[in-house]
Amino acid sequence: TNDDEDVKDTMIGKHPVFSILDPLLTLTVPRMQVFSGA
């Protein structure tokens, strides 16, 4: 989000070299955030 231009848009970066997806790390995420993410 660029607040100066009132624009929220997609930018291009680089692919992360690795990602770690461990469901144990999600156990403290608030309920609404879990379902909105899903």
Full PDB file with SEQRES, HELIX, SHEET, SSBOND, CRYST1, ORIGX, SCALE, CONECT and MASTER records, all heavy atoms in Angstrom:
SEQRES   1 A   38  THR ASN ASP ASP GLU ASP VAL LYS ASP THR MET ILE GLY          
SEQRES   2 A   38  LYS HIS PRO VAL PHE SER ILE LEU ASP PRO LEU LEU THR          
SEQRES   3 A   38  LEU THR VAL PRO ARG MET GLN VAL PHE SER GLY ALA              
HELIX    1 AA1 PRO A   23  THR A   26  5                                   4    
HELIX    2 AA2 ARG A   31  GLY A   37  1                                   7    
CRYST1    1.000    1.000    1.000  90.00  90.00  90.00 P 1           1          
ORIGX1      1.000000  0.000000  0.000000        0.00000                         
ORIGX2      0.000000  1.000000  0.000000        0.00000                         
ORIGX3      0.000000  0.000000  1.000000        0.00000                         
SCALE1      1.000000  0.000000  0.000000        0.00000                         
SCALE2      0.000000  1.000000  0.000000        0.00000                         
SCALE3      0.000000  0.000000  1.000000        0.00000                         
ATOM      1  N   THR A   1       0.841  -1.195   0.000  1.00  0.00           N  
ATOM      2  CA  THR A   1       0.000   0.000   0.000  1.00  0.00           C  
ATOM      3  C   THR A   1       0.875   1.242   0.000  1.00  0.00           C  
ATOM      4  O   THR A   1       1.707   1.424   0.894  1.00  0.00           O  
ATOM      5  CB  THR A   1      -0.917   0.021   1.229  1.00  0.00           C  
ATOM      6  OG1 THR A   1      -1.764  -1.133   1.212  1.00  0.00           O  
ATOM      7  CG2 THR A   1      -1.786   1.267   1.240  1.00  0.00           C  
ATOM      8  N   ASN A   2       0.675   2.089  -1.012  1.00  0.00           N  
ATOM      9  CA  ASN A   2       1.360   3.375  -1.075  1.00  0.00           C  
ATOM     10  C   ASN A   2       0.379   4.439  -0.596  1.00  0.00           C  
ATOM     11  O   ASN A   2      -0.516   4.855  -1.335  1.00  0.00           O  
ATOM     12  CB  ASN A   2       1.824   3.663  -2.505  1.00  0.00           C  
ATOM     13  CG  ASN A   2       2.719   4.882  -2.594  1.00  0.00           C  
ATOM     14  OD1 ASN A   2       2.525   5.858  -1.876  1.00  0.00           O  
ATOM     15  ND2 ASN A   2       3.711   4.829  -3.475  1.00  0.00           N  
ATOM     16  N   ASP A   3       0.529   4.875   0.647  1.00  0.00           N  
ATOM     17  CA  ASP A   3      -0.410   5.822   1.237  1.00  0.00           C  
ATOM     18  C   ASP A   3      -0.365   7.179   0.541  1.00  0.00           C  
ATOM     19  O   ASP A   3      -1.376   7.893   0.503  1.00  0.00           O  
ATOM     20  CB  ASP A   3      -0.117   5.994   2.732  1.00  0.00           C  
ATOM     21  CG  ASP A   3      -0.492   4.757   3.538  1.00  0.00           C  
ATOM     22  OD1 ASP A   3      -1.454   4.072   3.157  1.00  0.00           O  
ATOM     23  OD2 ASP A   3       0.182   4.475   4.551  1.00  0.00           O  
ATOM     24  N   ASP A   4       0.787   7.539   0.015  1.00  0.00           N  
ATOM     25  CA  ASP A   4       0.902   8.836  -0.663  1.00  0.00           C  
ATOM     26  C   ASP A   4       0.060   8.895  -1.928  1.00  0.00           C  
ATOM     27  O   ASP A   4      -0.391   9.971  -2.336  1.00  0.00           O  
ATOM     28  CB  ASP A   4       2.364   9.124  -1.019  1.00  0.00           C  
ATOM     29  CG  ASP A   4       3.223   9.372   0.207  1.00  0.00           C  
ATOM     30  OD1 ASP A   4       2.658   9.735   1.263  1.00  0.00           O  
ATOM     31  OD2 ASP A   4       4.457   9.194   0.126  1.00  0.00           O  
ATOM     32  N   GLU A   5      -0.146   7.739  -2.560  1.00  0.00           N  
ATOM     33  CA  GLU A   5      -0.900   7.701  -3.814  1.00  0.00           C  
ATOM     34  C   GLU A   5      -2.265   7.025  -3.671  1.00  0.00           C  
ATOM     35  O   GLU A   5      -2.979   6.873  -4.653  1.00  0.00           O  
ATOM     36  CB  GLU A   5      -0.072   6.990  -4.888  1.00  0.00           C  
ATOM     37  CG  GLU A   5       1.240   7.692  -5.198  1.00  0.00           C  
ATOM     38  CD  GLU A   5       1.955   7.109  -6.414  1.00  0.00           C  
ATOM     39  OE1 GLU A   5       1.319   6.340  -7.169  1.00  0.00           O  
ATOM     40  OE2 GLU A   5       3.133   7.429  -6.620  1.00  0.00           O  
ATOM     41  N   ASP A   6      -2.612   6.590  -2.444  1.00  0.00           N  
ATOM     42  CA  ASP A   6      -3.881   5.882  -2.207  1.00  0.00           C  
ATOM     43  C   ASP A   6      -4.018   4.687  -3.141  1.00  0.00           C  
ATOM     44  O   ASP A   6      -5.068   4.461  -3.756  1.00  0.00           O  
ATOM     45  CB  ASP A   6      -5.082   6.823  -2.388  1.00  0.00           C  
ATOM     46  CG  ASP A   6      -5.214   7.822  -1.245  1.00  0.00           C  
ATOM     47  OD1 ASP A   6      -4.832   7.473  -0.117  1.00  0.00           O  
ATOM     48  OD2 ASP A   6      -5.680   8.947  -1.494  1.00  0.00           O  
ATOM     49  N   VAL A   7      -2.949   3.918  -3.251  1.00  0.00           N  
ATOM     50  CA  VAL A   7      -2.930   2.750  -4.130  1.00  0.00           C  
ATOM     51  C   VAL A   7      -2.410   1.553  -3.343  1.00  0.00           C  
ATOM     52  O   VAL A   7      -1.379   1.623  -2.671  1.00  0.00           O  
ATOM     53  CB  VAL A   7      -2.038   2.988  -5.363  1.00  0.00           C  
ATOM     54  CG1 VAL A   7      -1.875   1.687  -6.151  1.00  0.00           C  
ATOM     55  CG2 VAL A   7      -2.633   4.062  -6.266  1.00  0.00           C  
ATOM     56  N   LYS A   8      -3.139   0.450  -3.447  1.00  0.00           N  
ATOM     57  CA  LYS A   8      -2.688  -0.832  -2.927  1.00  0.00           C  
ATOM     58  C   LYS A   8      -2.602  -1.762  -4.127  1.00  0.00           C  
ATOM     59  O   LYS A   8      -3.607  -2.062  -4.759  1.00  0.00           O  
ATOM     60  CB  LYS A   8      -3.674  -1.383  -1.888  1.00  0.00           C  
ATOM     61  CG  LYS A   8      -3.296  -2.736  -1.301  1.00  0.00           C  
ATOM     62  CD  LYS A   8      -4.350  -3.186  -0.294  1.00  0.00           C  
ATOM     63  CE  LYS A   8      -4.030  -4.567   0.262  1.00  0.00           C  
ATOM     64  NZ  LYS A   8      -5.073  -5.033   1.218  1.00  0.00           N  
ATOM     65  N   ASP A   9      -1.376  -2.218  -4.430  1.00  0.00           N  
ATOM     66  CA  ASP A   9      -1.223  -2.959  -5.674  1.00  0.00           C  
ATOM     67  C   ASP A   9      -0.108  -3.985  -5.536  1.00  0.00           C  
ATOM     68  O   ASP A   9       0.674  -3.988  -4.583  1.00  0.00           O  
ATOM     69  CB  ASP A   9      -0.917  -1.995  -6.822  1.00  0.00           C  
ATOM     70  CG  ASP A   9      -1.233  -2.593  -8.191  1.00  0.00           C  
ATOM     71  OD1 ASP A   9      -1.770  -3.714  -8.241  1.00  0.00           O  
ATOM     72  OD2 ASP A   9      -0.941  -1.933  -9.195  1.00  0.00           O  
ATOM     73  N   THR A  10      -0.046  -4.844  -6.548  1.00  0.00           N  
ATOM     74  CA  THR A  10       0.941  -5.917  -6.570  1.00  0.00           C  
ATOM     75  C   THR A  10       2.266  -5.401  -7.115  1.00  0.00           C  
ATOM     76  O   THR A  10       2.308  -4.743  -8.156  1.00  0.00           O  
ATOM     77  CB  THR A  10       0.441  -7.074  -7.443  1.00  0.00           C  
ATOM     78  OG1 THR A  10      -0.795  -7.554  -6.904  1.00  0.00           O  
ATOM     79  CG2 THR A  10       1.443  -8.217  -7.446  1.00  0.00           C  
ATOM     80  N   MET A  11       3.339  -5.720  -6.401  1.00  0.00           N  
ATOM     81  CA  MET A  11       4.684  -5.417  -6.855  1.00  0.00           C  
ATOM     82  C   MET A  11       5.433  -6.732  -7.088  1.00  0.00           C  
ATOM     83  O   MET A  11       4.997  -7.801  -6.643  1.00  0.00           O  
ATOM     84  CB  MET A  11       5.420  -4.542  -5.839  1.00  0.00           C  
ATOM     85  CG  MET A  11       4.747  -3.204  -5.598  1.00  0.00           C  
ATOM     86  SD  MET A  11       5.727  -2.091  -4.572  1.00  0.00           S  
ATOM     87  CE  MET A  11       7.050  -1.642  -5.721  1.00  0.00           C  
ATOM     88  N   ILE A  12       6.549  -6.632  -7.780  1.00  0.00           N  
ATOM     89  CA  ILE A  12       7.322  -7.820  -8.143  1.00  0.00           C  
ATOM     90  C   ILE A  12       8.624  -7.857  -7.348  1.00  0.00           C  
ATOM     91  O   ILE A  12       9.405  -6.904  -7.373  1.00  0.00           O  
ATOM     92  CB  ILE A  12       7.658  -7.832  -9.653  1.00  0.00           C  
ATOM     93  CG1 ILE A  12       6.376  -7.710 -10.476  1.00  0.00           C  
ATOM     94  CG2 ILE A  12       8.434  -9.093 -10.024  1.00  0.00           C  
ATOM     95  CD1 ILE A  12       5.412  -8.848 -10.299  1.00  0.00           C  
ATOM     96  N   GLY A  13       8.833  -8.958  -6.637  1.00  0.00           N  
ATOM     97  CA  GLY A  13      10.088  -9.179  -5.935  1.00  0.00           C  
ATOM     98  C   GLY A  13      10.751 -10.433  -6.466  1.00  0.00           C  
ATOM     99  O   GLY A  13      10.644 -10.762  -7.638  1.00  0.00           O  
ATOM    100  N   LYS A  14      11.429 -11.123  -5.581  1.00  0.00           N  
ATOM    101  CA  LYS A  14      12.042 -12.402  -5.919  1.00  0.00           C  
ATOM    102  C   LYS A  14      11.448 -13.499  -5.044  1.00  0.00           C  
ATOM    103  O   LYS A  14      11.002 -13.260  -3.919  1.00  0.00           O  
ATOM    104  CB  LYS A  14      13.565 -12.347  -5.725  1.00  0.00           C  
ATOM    105  CG  LYS A  14      14.285 -11.422  -6.696  1.00  0.00           C  
ATOM    106  CD  LYS A  14      14.220 -11.934  -8.117  1.00  0.00           C  
ATOM    107  CE  LYS A  14      14.990 -11.053  -9.078  1.00  0.00           C  
ATOM    108  NZ  LYS A  14      14.916 -11.516 -10.469  1.00  0.00           N  
ATOM    109  N   HIS A  15      11.455 -14.704  -5.553  1.00  0.00           N  
ATOM    110  CA  HIS A  15      10.911 -15.850  -4.828  1.00  0.00           C  
ATOM    111  C   HIS A  15      11.769 -16.135  -3.590  1.00  0.00           C  
ATOM    112  O   HIS A  15      13.003 -16.161  -3.679  1.00  0.00           O  
ATOM    113  CB  HIS A  15      10.930 -17.072  -5.749  1.00  0.00           C  
ATOM    114  CG  HIS A  15      10.008 -18.170  -5.356  1.00  0.00           C  
ATOM    115  ND1 HIS A  15      10.171 -18.893  -4.193  1.00  0.00           N  
ATOM    116  CD2 HIS A  15       8.903 -18.686  -5.956  1.00  0.00           C  
ATOM    117  CE1 HIS A  15       9.224 -19.815  -4.117  1.00  0.00           C  
ATOM    118  NE2 HIS A  15       8.445 -19.700  -5.163  1.00  0.00           N  
ATOM    119  N   PRO A  16      11.145 -16.318  -2.412  1.00  0.00           N  
ATOM    120  CA  PRO A  16      11.948 -16.720  -1.249  1.00  0.00           C  
ATOM    121  C   PRO A  16      12.758 -17.980  -1.538  1.00  0.00           C  
ATOM    122  O   PRO A  16      12.268 -18.895  -2.208  1.00  0.00           O  
ATOM    123  CB  PRO A  16      10.883 -16.978  -0.175  1.00  0.00           C  
ATOM    124  CG  PRO A  16       9.735 -16.105  -0.566  1.00  0.00           C  
ATOM    125  CD  PRO A  16       9.722 -16.131  -2.072  1.00  0.00           C  
ATOM    126  N   VAL A  17      13.969 -18.011  -1.038  1.00  0.00           N  
ATOM    127  CA  VAL A  17      14.835 -19.166  -1.316  1.00  0.00           C  
ATOM    128  C   VAL A  17      14.355 -20.404  -0.561  1.00  0.00           C  
ATOM    129  O   VAL A  17      14.621 -21.529  -0.974  1.00  0.00           O  
ATOM    130  CB  VAL A  17      16.312 -18.861  -0.984  1.00  0.00           C  
ATOM    131  CG1 VAL A  17      16.842 -17.767  -1.902  1.00  0.00           C  
ATOM    132  CG2 VAL A  17      16.494 -18.463   0.475  1.00  0.00           C  
ATOM    133  N   PHE A  18      13.667 -20.179   0.552  1.00  0.00           N  
ATOM    134  CA  PHE A  18      13.030 -21.312   1.242  1.00  0.00           C  
ATOM    135  C   PHE A  18      11.811 -20.813   2.001  1.00  0.00           C  
ATOM    136  O   PHE A  18      11.682 -19.626   2.303  1.00  0.00           O  
ATOM    137  CB  PHE A  18      14.010 -22.013   2.201  1.00  0.00           C  
ATOM    138  CG  PHE A  18      14.384 -21.226   3.433  1.00  0.00           C  
ATOM    139  CD1 PHE A  18      13.563 -21.211   4.558  1.00  0.00           C  
ATOM    140  CD2 PHE A  18      15.568 -20.516   3.476  1.00  0.00           C  
ATOM    141  CE1 PHE A  18      13.906 -20.489   5.691  1.00  0.00           C  
ATOM    142  CE2 PHE A  18      15.930 -19.793   4.606  1.00  0.00           C  
ATOM    143  CZ  PHE A  18      15.092 -19.777   5.719  1.00  0.00           C  
ATOM    144  N   SER A  19      10.915 -21.724   2.283  1.00  0.00           N  
ATOM    145  CA  SER A  19       9.774 -21.432   3.150  1.00  0.00           C  
ATOM    146  C   SER A  19       9.587 -22.587   4.115  1.00  0.00           C  
ATOM    147  O   SER A  19       9.835 -23.748   3.768  1.00  0.00           O  
ATOM    148  CB  SER A  19       8.500 -21.212   2.329  1.00  0.00           C  
ATOM    149  OG  SER A  19       8.177 -22.356   1.563  1.00  0.00           O  
ATOM    150  N   ILE A  20       9.194 -22.240   5.334  1.00  0.00           N  
ATOM    151  CA  ILE A  20       8.931 -23.240   6.363  1.00  0.00           C  
ATOM    152  C   ILE A  20       7.465 -23.140   6.747  1.00  0.00           C  
ATOM    153  O   ILE A  20       6.988 -22.086   7.180  1.00  0.00           O  
ATOM    154  CB  ILE A  20       9.838 -23.031   7.586  1.00  0.00           C  
ATOM    155  CG1 ILE A  20      11.311 -23.264   7.197  1.00  0.00           C  
ATOM    156  CG2 ILE A  20       9.429 -23.959   8.735  1.00  0.00           C  
ATOM    157  CD1 ILE A  20      12.302 -22.958   8.303  1.00  0.00           C  
ATOM    158  N   LEU A  21       6.740 -24.239   6.540  1.00  0.00           N  
ATOM    159  CA  LEU A  21       5.310 -24.308   6.825  1.00  0.00           C  
ATOM    160  C   LEU A  21       5.090 -25.336   7.931  1.00  0.00           C  
ATOM    161  O   LEU A  21       4.940 -26.531   7.674  1.00  0.00           O  
ATOM    162  CB  LEU A  21       4.521 -24.692   5.567  1.00  0.00           C  
ATOM    163  CG  LEU A  21       4.236 -23.593   4.538  1.00  0.00           C  
ATOM    164  CD1 LEU A  21       5.529 -23.105   3.899  1.00  0.00           C  
ATOM    165  CD2 LEU A  21       3.303 -24.097   3.456  1.00  0.00           C  
ATOM    166  N   ASP A  22       5.125 -24.861   9.159  1.00  0.00           N  
ATOM    167  CA  ASP A  22       4.970 -25.716  10.332  1.00  0.00           C  
ATOM    168  C   ASP A  22       3.643 -25.367  10.996  1.00  0.00           C  
ATOM    169  O   ASP A  22       3.503 -24.284  11.568  1.00  0.00           O  
ATOM    170  CB  ASP A  22       6.136 -25.476  11.294  1.00  0.00           C  
ATOM    171  CG  ASP A  22       6.142 -26.434  12.478  1.00  0.00           C  
ATOM    172  OD1 ASP A  22       5.068 -26.977  12.818  1.00  0.00           O  
ATOM    173  OD2 ASP A  22       7.224 -26.632  13.071  1.00  0.00           O  
ATOM    174  N   PRO A  23       2.652 -26.256  10.940  1.00  0.00           N  
ATOM    175  CA  PRO A  23       1.336 -25.924  11.504  1.00  0.00           C  
ATOM    176  C   PRO A  23       1.356 -25.637  13.002  1.00  0.00           C  
ATOM    177  O   PRO A  23       0.461 -24.972  13.511  1.00  0.00           O  
ATOM    178  CB  PRO A  23       0.481 -27.148  11.175  1.00  0.00           C  
ATOM    179  CG  PRO A  23       1.441 -28.251  10.906  1.00  0.00           C  
ATOM    180  CD  PRO A  23       2.670 -27.604  10.336  1.00  0.00           C  
ATOM    181  N   LEU A  24       2.382 -26.112  13.716  1.00  0.00           N  
ATOM    182  CA  LEU A  24       2.476 -25.824  15.141  1.00  0.00           C  
ATOM    183  C   LEU A  24       2.599 -24.319  15.400  1.00  0.00           C  
ATOM    184  O   LEU A  24       2.183 -23.831  16.457  1.00  0.00           O  
ATOM    185  CB  LEU A  24       3.667 -26.561  15.758  1.00  0.00           C  
ATOM    186  CG  LEU A  24       3.576 -28.095  15.786  1.00  0.00           C  
ATOM    187  CD1 LEU A  24       4.891 -28.689  16.262  1.00  0.00           C  
ATOM    188  CD2 LEU A  24       2.424 -28.552  16.680  1.00  0.00           C  
ATOM    189  N   LEU A  25       3.157 -23.596  14.435  1.00  0.00           N  
ATOM    190  CA  LEU A  25       3.330 -22.153  14.610  1.00  0.00           C  
ATOM    191  C   LEU A  25       2.018 -21.390  14.489  1.00  0.00           C  
ATOM    192  O   LEU A  25       1.967 -20.199  14.803  1.00  0.00           O  
ATOM    193  CB  LEU A  25       4.332 -21.620  13.585  1.00  0.00           C  
ATOM    194  CG  LEU A  25       5.768 -22.136  13.696  1.00  0.00           C  
ATOM    195  CD1 LEU A  25       6.628 -21.530  12.595  1.00  0.00           C  
ATOM    196  CD2 LEU A  25       6.358 -21.829  15.065  1.00  0.00           C  
ATOM    197  N   THR A  26       0.958 -22.052  14.019  1.00  0.00           N  
ATOM    198  CA  THR A  26      -0.317 -21.360  13.827  1.00  0.00           C  
ATOM    199  C   THR A  26      -1.247 -21.472  15.035  1.00  0.00           C  
ATOM    200  O   THR A  26      -2.332 -20.891  15.023  1.00  0.00           O  
ATOM    201  CB  THR A  26      -1.061 -21.921  12.600  1.00  0.00           C  
ATOM    202  OG1 THR A  26      -1.551 -23.249  12.886  1.00  0.00           O  
ATOM    203  CG2 THR A  26      -0.152 -21.972  11.372  1.00  0.00           C  
ATOM    204  N   LEU A  27      -0.847 -22.202  16.051  1.00  0.00           N  
ATOM    205  CA  LEU A  27      -1.766 -22.507  17.153  1.00  0.00           C  
ATOM    206  C   LEU A  27      -2.167 -21.293  17.970  1.00  0.00           C  
ATOM    207  O   LEU A  27      -3.206 -21.309  18.649  1.00  0.00           O  
ATOM    208  CB  LEU A  27      -1.158 -23.578  18.063  1.00  0.00           C  
ATOM    209  CG  LEU A  27      -1.128 -24.999  17.481  1.00  0.00           C  
ATOM    210  CD1 LEU A  27      -0.320 -25.937  18.369  1.00  0.00           C  
ATOM    211  CD2 LEU A  27      -2.551 -25.530  17.296  1.00  0.00           C  
ATOM    212  N   THR A  28      -1.365 -20.227  17.941  1.00  0.00           N  
ATOM    213  CA  THR A  28      -1.704 -19.038  18.719  1.00  0.00           C  
ATOM    214  C   THR A  28      -2.353 -17.940  17.868  1.00  0.00           C  
ATOM    215  O   THR A  28      -2.636 -16.856  18.366  1.00  0.00           O  
ATOM    216  CB  THR A  28      -0.453 -18.465  19.406  1.00  0.00           C  
ATOM    217  OG1 THR A  28       0.532 -18.139  18.418  1.00  0.00           O  
ATOM    218  CG2 THR A  28       0.136 -19.465  20.395  1.00  0.00           C  
ATOM    219  N   VAL A  29      -2.572 -18.228  16.587  1.00  0.00           N  
ATOM    220  CA  VAL A  29      -3.198 -17.230  15.713  1.00  0.00           C  
ATOM    221  C   VAL A  29      -4.670 -17.081  16.092  1.00  0.00           C  
ATOM    222  O   VAL A  29      -5.371 -18.074  16.270  1.00  0.00           O  
ATOM    223  CB  VAL A  29      -3.068 -17.651  14.231  1.00  0.00           C  
ATOM    224  CG1 VAL A  29      -3.781 -16.662  13.319  1.00  0.00           C  
ATOM    225  CG2 VAL A  29      -1.594 -17.765  13.836  1.00  0.00           C  
ATOM    226  N   PRO A  30      -5.175 -15.844  16.229  1.00  0.00           N  
ATOM    227  CA  PRO A  30      -6.583 -15.649  16.600  1.00  0.00           C  
ATOM    228  C   PRO A  30      -7.542 -16.309  15.613  1.00  0.00           C  
ATOM    229  O   PRO A  30      -7.250 -16.413  14.418  1.00  0.00           O  
ATOM    230  CB  PRO A  30      -6.742 -14.121  16.576  1.00  0.00           C  
ATOM    231  CG  PRO A  30      -5.368 -13.590  16.812  1.00  0.00           C  
ATOM    232  CD  PRO A  30      -4.444 -14.569  16.147  1.00  0.00           C  
ATOM    233  N   ARG A  31      -8.667 -16.723  16.137  1.00  0.00           N  
ATOM    234  CA  ARG A  31      -9.642 -17.489  15.362  1.00  0.00           C  
ATOM    235  C   ARG A  31     -10.039 -16.774  14.068  1.00  0.00           C  
ATOM    236  O   ARG A  31     -10.047 -17.370  12.995  1.00  0.00           O  
ATOM    237  CB  ARG A  31     -10.873 -17.750  16.240  1.00  0.00           C  
ATOM    238  CG  ARG A  31     -11.925 -18.646  15.602  1.00  0.00           C  
ATOM    239  CD  ARG A  31     -13.107 -18.820  16.549  1.00  0.00           C  
ATOM    240  NE  ARG A  31     -14.078 -19.757  15.991  1.00  0.00           N  
ATOM    241  CZ  ARG A  31     -14.054 -21.075  16.181  1.00  0.00           C  
ATOM    242  NH1 ARG A  31     -13.085 -21.611  16.902  1.00  0.00           N  
ATOM    243  NH2 ARG A  31     -14.977 -21.862  15.649  1.00  0.00           N  
ATOM    244  N   MET A  32     -10.405 -15.504  14.164  1.00  0.00           N  
ATOM    245  CA  MET A  32     -10.853 -14.778  12.980  1.00  0.00           C  
ATOM    246  C   MET A  32      -9.742 -14.706  11.934  1.00  0.00           C  
ATOM    247  O   MET A  32      -9.999 -14.806  10.733  1.00  0.00           O  
ATOM    248  CB  MET A  32     -11.323 -13.372  13.359  1.00  0.00           C  
ATOM    249  CG  MET A  32     -11.834 -12.550  12.180  1.00  0.00           C  
ATOM    250  SD  MET A  32     -13.260 -13.295  11.341  1.00  0.00           S  
ATOM    251  CE  MET A  32     -14.570 -12.844  12.462  1.00  0.00           C  
ATOM    252  N   GLN A  33      -8.484 -14.538  12.376  1.00  0.00           N  
ATOM    253  CA  GLN A  33      -7.380 -14.470  11.427  1.00  0.00           C  
ATOM    254  C   GLN A  33      -7.173 -15.798  10.713  1.00  0.00           C  
ATOM    255  O   GLN A  33      -6.846 -15.843   9.530  1.00  0.00           O  
ATOM    256  CB  GLN A  33      -6.090 -14.043  12.142  1.00  0.00           C  
ATOM    257  CG  GLN A  33      -4.933 -13.745  11.195  1.00  0.00           C  
ATOM    258  CD  GLN A  33      -3.707 -13.220  11.918  1.00  0.00           C  
ATOM    259  OE1 GLN A  33      -3.766 -12.872  13.098  1.00  0.00           O  
ATOM    260  NE2 GLN A  33      -2.591 -13.150  11.215  1.00  0.00           N  
ATOM    261  N   VAL A  34      -7.358 -16.906  11.429  1.00  0.00           N  
ATOM    262  CA  VAL A  34      -7.232 -18.228  10.813  1.00  0.00           C  
ATOM    263  C   VAL A  34      -8.252 -18.397   9.693  1.00  0.00           C  
ATOM    264  O   VAL A  34      -7.918 -18.806   8.569  1.00  0.00           O  
ATOM    265  CB  VAL A  34      -7.401 -19.347  11.866  1.00  0.00           C  
ATOM    266  CG1 VAL A  34      -7.539 -20.712  11.191  1.00  0.00           C  
ATOM    267  CG2 VAL A  34      -6.214 -19.357  12.826  1.00  0.00           C  
ATOM    268  N   PHE A  35      -9.514 -18.053   9.975  1.00  0.00           N  
ATOM    269  CA  PHE A  35     -10.560 -18.283   8.986  1.00  0.00           C  
ATOM    270  C   PHE A  35     -10.517 -17.257   7.850  1.00  0.00           C  
ATOM    271  O   PHE A  35     -10.846 -17.592   6.711  1.00  0.00           O  
ATOM    272  CB  PHE A  35     -11.929 -18.313   9.663  1.00  0.00           C  
ATOM    273  CG  PHE A  35     -12.119 -19.530  10.524  1.00  0.00           C  
ATOM    274  CD1 PHE A  35     -12.362 -19.417  11.884  1.00  0.00           C  
ATOM    275  CD2 PHE A  35     -12.023 -20.809   9.977  1.00  0.00           C  
ATOM    276  CE1 PHE A  35     -12.524 -20.549  12.679  1.00  0.00           C  
ATOM    277  CE2 PHE A  35     -12.183 -21.940  10.761  1.00  0.00           C  
ATOM    278  CZ  PHE A  35     -12.431 -21.811  12.111  1.00  0.00           C  
ATOM    279  N   SER A  36     -10.102 -16.038   8.141  1.00  0.00           N  
ATOM    280  CA  SER A  36      -9.963 -15.072   7.050  1.00  0.00           C  
ATOM    281  C   SER A  36      -8.793 -15.451   6.155  1.00  0.00           C  
ATOM    282  O   SER A  36      -8.857 -15.282   4.928  1.00  0.00           O  
ATOM    283  CB  SER A  36      -9.796 -13.650   7.588  1.00  0.00           C  
ATOM    284  OG  SER A  36      -8.624 -13.515   8.356  1.00  0.00           O  
ATOM    285  N   GLY A  37      -7.718 -16.007   6.731  1.00  0.00           N  
ATOM    286  CA  GLY A  37      -6.604 -16.494   5.918  1.00  0.00           C  
ATOM    287  C   GLY A  37      -7.011 -17.661   5.038  1.00  0.00           C  
ATOM    288  O   GLY A  37      -6.646 -17.727   3.856  1.00  0.00           O  
ATOM    289  N   ALA A  38      -7.784 -18.579   5.613  1.00  0.00           N  
ATOM    290  CA  ALA A  38      -8.265 -19.715   4.826  1.00  0.00           C  
ATOM    291  C   ALA A  38      -9.182 -19.252   3.707  1.00  0.00           C  
ATOM    292  O   ALA A  38      -9.190 -19.832   2.612  1.00  0.00           O  
ATOM    293  CB  ALA A  38      -8.993 -20.705   5.734  1.00  0.00           C  
TER     294      ALA A  38                                                      
MASTER        0    0    0    2    0    0    0    6  293    1    0    3          
END                                                                             
